[in-house]
C-alpha atoms as a PDB file:
ATOM      1  CA  MET A   1       0.014  -0.088  -0.092  1.00  0.00           C
ATOM      2  CA  THR A   2       1.060   3.395  -0.435  1.00  0.00           C
ATOM      3  CA  GLU A   3      -0.324   4.774   2.595  1.00  0.00           C
ATOM      4  CA  SER A   4      -1.727   3.331   5.893  1.00  0.00           C
ATOM      5  CA  ALA A   5      -4.845   1.250   5.763  1.00  0.00           C
ATOM      6  CA  ALA A   6      -6.429   4.041   8.189  1.00  0.00           C
ATOM      7  CA  GLY A   7      -6.523   6.684   5.784  1.00  0.00           C
ATOM      8  CA  GLY A   8      -4.873   6.340   2.679  1.00  0.00           C
ATOM      9  CA  SER A   9      -4.523   4.797  -1.037  1.00  0.00           C
ATOM     10  CA  TYR A  10      -4.943   1.345  -1.748  1.00  0.00           C
ATOM     11  CA  SER A  11      -2.894   0.977  -4.938  1.00  0.00           C
ATOM     12  CA  ASN A  12      -2.262  -2.579  -4.366  1.00  0.00           C
ATOM     13  CA  VAL A  13      -5.539  -3.763  -4.907  1.00  0.00           C
ATOM     14  CA  VAL A  14      -5.780  -6.048  -8.253  1.00  0.00           C
ATOM     15  CA  VAL A  15      -9.089  -7.599  -9.814  1.00  0.00           C
ATOM     16  CA  SER A  16      -7.802 -10.530 -12.018  1.00  0.00           C
ATOM     17  CA  PRO A  17      -9.344 -11.311 -15.680  1.00  0.00           C
ATOM     18  CA  VAL A  18     -12.543 -13.263 -15.450  1.00  0.00           C
ATOM     19  CA  MET A  19     -11.672 -17.165 -14.952  1.00  0.00           C
ATOM     20  CA  ALA A  20     -13.895 -20.094 -15.891  1.00  0.00           C
ATOM     21  CA  GLY A  21     -16.352 -21.227 -13.371  1.00  0.00           C
ATOM     22  CA  ASN A  22     -20.012 -21.519 -12.846  1.00  0.00           C
ATOM     23  CA  PRO A  23     -20.654 -18.730 -12.524  1.00  0.00           C
ATOM     24  CA  PRO A  24     -17.423 -17.144 -14.084  1.00  0.00           C
ATOM     25  CA  PHE A  25     -15.346 -15.397 -11.025  1.00  0.00           C
ATOM     26  CA  ARG A  26     -12.496 -13.022 -10.595  1.00  0.00           C
ATOM     27  CA  ILE A  27      -9.907 -13.281  -7.855  1.00  0.00           C
ATOM     28  CA  VAL A  28      -9.466 -10.203  -5.827  1.00  0.00           C
ATOM     29  CA  GLN A  29      -5.959  -9.519  -4.263  1.00  0.00           C
ATOM     30  CA  VAL A  30      -4.657  -6.840  -1.655  1.00  0.00           C
ATOM     31  CA  CYS A  31      -1.272  -6.322  -1.738  1.00  0.00           C
ATOM     32  CA  GLY A  32      -0.413  -9.522  -3.279  1.00  0.00           C
ATOM     33  CA  GLU A  33      -2.665 -11.565  -0.853  1.00  0.00           C
ATOM     34  CA  VAL A  34      -5.594 -13.117  -2.033  1.00  0.00           C
ATOM     35  CA  ALA A  35      -8.830 -11.861  -0.572  1.00  0.00           C
ATOM     36  CA  GLY A  36     -11.422 -13.935  -2.320  1.00  0.00           C
ATOM     37  CA  ARG A  37     -13.354 -14.731  -5.406  1.00  0.00           C
ATOM     38  CA  ALA A  38     -15.804 -12.145  -6.597  1.00  0.00           C
ATOM     39  CA  HIS A  39     -18.683 -12.856  -8.916  1.00  0.00           C
ATOM     40  CA  ASP A  40     -19.736  -9.266  -9.353  1.00  0.00           C
ATOM     41  CA  VAL A  41     -18.870  -5.858  -8.209  1.00  0.00           C
ATOM     42  CA  VAL A  42     -20.614  -6.158  -4.986  1.00  0.00           C
ATOM     43  CA  ASP A  43     -18.537  -8.924  -4.110  1.00  0.00           C
ATOM     44  CA  VAL A  44     -15.514  -6.825  -4.745  1.00  0.00           C
ATOM     45  CA  ILE A  45     -16.983  -4.331  -2.291  1.00  0.00           C
ATOM     46  CA  HIS A  46     -17.587  -7.042   0.567  1.00  0.00           C
ATOM     47  CA  LEU A  47     -14.177  -8.426  -0.047  1.00  0.00           C
ATOM     48  CA  LEU A  48     -12.569  -5.053   0.446  1.00  0.00           C
ATOM     49  CA  ARG A  49     -14.554  -4.333   3.532  1.00  0.00           C
ATOM     50  CA  ALA A  50     -13.602  -7.629   5.140  1.00  0.00           C
ATOM     51  CA  VAL A  51      -9.853  -6.588   4.751  1.00  0.00           C
ATOM     52  CA  GLY A  52     -10.339  -3.228   6.303  1.00  0.00           C
ATOM     53  CA  ILE A  53     -11.135  -1.193   3.057  1.00  0.00           C
ATOM     54  CA  PRO A  54     -14.336   0.083   3.734  1.00  0.00           C
ATOM     55  CA  HIS A  55     -14.710   2.897   1.333  1.00  0.00           C
ATOM     56  CA  ALA A  56     -12.558   2.047  -1.977  1.00  0.00           C
ATOM     57  CA  ASP A  57     -13.064   4.359  -5.271  1.00  0.00           C
ATOM     58  CA  LEU A  58     -13.532   1.360  -7.858  1.00  0.00           C
ATOM     59  CA  ASP A  59     -13.021   3.649 -10.340  1.00  0.00           C
ATOM     60  CA  ASP A  60      -9.920   5.245  -9.582  1.00  0.00           C
ATOM     61  CA  PRO A  61      -6.900   3.397 -11.044  1.00  0.00           C
ATOM     62  CA  SER A  62      -4.631   4.315  -8.226  1.00  0.00           C
ATOM     63  CA  VAL A  63      -6.883   2.312  -5.757  1.00  0.00           C
ATOM     64  CA  VAL A  64      -7.949  -0.812  -7.834  1.00  0.00           C
ATOM     65  CA  ARG A  65      -6.432  -2.271 -11.165  1.00  0.00           C
ATOM     66  CA  TRP A  66      -8.983  -4.016 -13.148  1.00  0.00           C
ATOM     67  CA  GLU A  67      -7.029  -6.621 -15.297  1.00  0.00           C
ATOM     68  CA  GLY A  68      -9.041  -8.101 -18.233  1.00  0.00           C
ATOM     69  CA  GLY A  69     -11.556  -5.503 -18.144  1.00  0.00           C
ATOM     70  CA  ASP A  70     -13.548  -3.025 -15.942  1.00  0.00           C
ATOM     71  CA  LYS A  71     -15.911  -3.415 -13.029  1.00  0.00           C
ATOM     72  CA  PHE A  72     -18.616  -4.497 -15.344  1.00  0.00           C
ATOM     73  CA  THR A  73     -16.765  -7.259 -17.025  1.00  0.00           C
ATOM     74  CA  TRP A  74     -17.928 -10.454 -15.144  1.00  0.00           C
ATOM     75  CA  GLY A  75     -18.327 -13.080 -18.038  1.00  0.00           C
ATOM     76  CA  PHE A  76     -16.648 -14.320 -21.318  1.00  0.00           C
ATOM     77  CA  ARG A  77     -17.689 -12.612 -24.702  1.00  0.00           C
ATOM     78  CA  LYS A  78     -18.840 -14.817 -27.254  1.00  0.00           C
ATOM     79  CA  LYS A  79     -16.934 -15.103 -30.558  1.00  0.00           C
END
């Protein structure tokens, strides 16, 4: 983290690309540690709260890095 959990930036939150599953999911990591699986953006919010990040700005790239899509990407695109 770039600042303390008490009041700062959380640039070490990473949401992985969508992974195969039923339903598909994304892995959420905080400071390199797996916080859990998310099936939607609400799950991301709950996981961050569980690790002590109650008010993360999910639209701020200095807070959350979305890999393989954005906060609206939760499934696979059909070709």
